[in-house]
């Protein structure tokens, strides 16, 4: 099935690809296969802006975008496969909430 992506979504997909091949690949090499989500990975994903698509606009995010979340997972999965259950661990991180309070961009 062919899905039509907007020019903005295509640019975001390219951004995800570049992040995965650069900073994320370095983190994957550094940590290898582990059973937890390291703080360095959470901070890296936050700085790259990936969490903003999970946060409502009224709290400083971009609002939920299933397309953007899927594009990010698609491009990043080969470097650091994160089980879906690890989302909770990321979202509970104190640094995650500190980084994404309104006005902390």
Protein backbone atom coordinates (compact mmCIF):
# COMPACT_ATOMS: atom_id res chain seq x y z
CA UNK A 1 0.00 0.00 0.00
CA UNK A 2 1.37 3.38 -1.00
CA UNK A 3 0.88 6.17 1.54
CA UNK A 4 1.05 9.80 0.51
CA UNK A 5 3.14 11.86 2.89
CA UNK A 6 3.14 15.64 3.02
CA UNK A 7 6.38 17.49 2.21
CA UNK A 8 6.71 18.21 5.96
CA UNK A 9 6.34 14.51 6.81
CA UNK A 10 8.94 13.59 4.18
CA UNK A 11 11.34 16.13 5.66
CA UNK A 12 10.68 14.75 9.15
CA UNK A 13 11.32 11.20 7.89
CA UNK A 14 14.65 12.36 6.49
CA UNK A 15 15.47 14.07 9.81
CA UNK A 16 14.73 10.77 11.61
CA UNK A 17 16.94 8.87 9.18
CA UNK A 18 19.85 11.26 9.71
CA UNK A 19 19.43 11.11 13.49
CA UNK A 20 19.32 7.29 13.42
CA UNK A 21 22.47 7.05 11.30
CA UNK A 22 24.32 9.60 13.42
CA UNK A 23 23.72 10.13 17.11
CA UNK A 24 21.46 7.11 17.61
CA UNK A 25 23.92 4.76 15.89
CA UNK A 26 26.66 6.04 18.21
CA UNK A 27 24.49 5.38 21.26
CA UNK A 28 23.61 1.90 19.99
CA UNK A 29 27.29 1.09 19.58
CA UNK A 30 28.08 2.48 23.04
CA UNK A 31 25.37 0.59 24.92
CA UNK A 32 24.84 -2.53 22.82
CA UNK A 33 21.86 -4.72 23.71
CA UNK A 34 20.47 -3.83 27.13
CA UNK A 35 17.22 -4.34 29.02
CA UNK A 36 16.62 -0.74 30.02
CA UNK A 37 16.42 2.68 28.40
CA UNK A 38 19.56 4.62 29.37
CA UNK A 39 19.30 8.25 30.43
CA UNK A 40 21.62 9.22 27.55
CA UNK A 41 19.13 7.76 25.05
CA UNK A 42 16.13 9.51 26.63
CA UNK A 43 17.98 12.83 26.59
CA UNK A 44 19.13 12.33 23.01
CA UNK A 45 15.60 11.53 21.81
CA UNK A 46 14.25 14.53 23.71
CA UNK A 47 16.85 16.91 22.25
CA UNK A 48 16.05 15.59 18.77
CA UNK A 49 12.40 16.53 19.35
CA UNK A 50 10.86 13.07 19.11
CA UNK A 51 8.83 13.36 22.32
CA UNK A 52 7.11 16.57 21.27
CA UNK A 53 4.74 14.52 19.09
CA UNK A 54 3.50 12.73 22.22
CA UNK A 55 2.77 15.88 24.23
CA UNK A 56 -0.38 18.01 23.89
CA UNK A 57 0.11 21.48 22.46
CA UNK A 58 -1.12 23.13 25.68
CA UNK A 59 1.93 21.65 27.46
CA UNK A 60 4.47 22.76 24.87
CA UNK A 61 4.35 19.77 22.54
CA UNK A 62 3.16 19.46 18.97
CA UNK A 63 0.14 17.34 19.80
CA UNK A 64 -0.17 13.65 19.05
CA UNK A 65 0.81 12.75 15.51
CA UNK A 66 0.50 9.05 14.75
CA UNK A 67 2.19 9.59 11.38
CA UNK A 68 5.23 11.25 12.93
CA UNK A 69 5.50 8.64 15.69
CA UNK A 70 5.36 5.86 13.08
CA UNK A 71 7.94 7.58 10.87
CA UNK A 72 10.32 7.96 13.81
CA UNK A 73 9.90 4.32 14.88
CA UNK A 74 10.36 3.15 11.29
CA UNK A 75 13.64 5.02 10.84
CA UNK A 76 15.06 4.29 14.29
CA UNK A 77 14.05 0.66 14.81
CA UNK A 78 17.09 -0.85 13.09
CA UNK A 79 19.52 0.98 15.34
CA UNK A 80 18.00 0.71 18.81
CA UNK A 81 14.88 -1.44 18.94
CA UNK A 82 12.88 -0.19 21.92
CA UNK A 83 10.09 -2.47 23.11
CA UNK A 84 6.71 -0.75 23.29
CA UNK A 85 6.65 -1.40 27.05
CA UNK A 86 9.71 0.83 27.42
CA UNK A 87 7.61 3.89 26.52
CA UNK A 88 6.40 3.99 30.11
CA UNK A 89 9.97 4.01 31.41
CA UNK A 90 10.82 6.94 29.12
CA UNK A 91 7.72 8.89 30.04
CA UNK A 92 8.31 8.40 33.79
CA UNK A 93 11.82 9.80 33.55
CA UNK A 94 12.23 12.99 35.57
CA UNK A 95 14.56 14.39 32.91
CA UNK A 96 11.88 13.85 30.27
CA UNK A 97 9.40 16.03 32.13
CA UNK A 98 12.07 18.59 32.98
CA UNK A 99 13.02 18.96 29.31
CA UNK A 100 9.48 19.34 28.04
CA UNK A 101 7.85 21.74 30.46
CA UNK A 102 6.31 24.66 28.55
CA UNK A 103 8.97 27.24 27.79
CA UNK A 104 11.90 24.80 28.11
CA UNK A 105 12.58 24.50 24.38
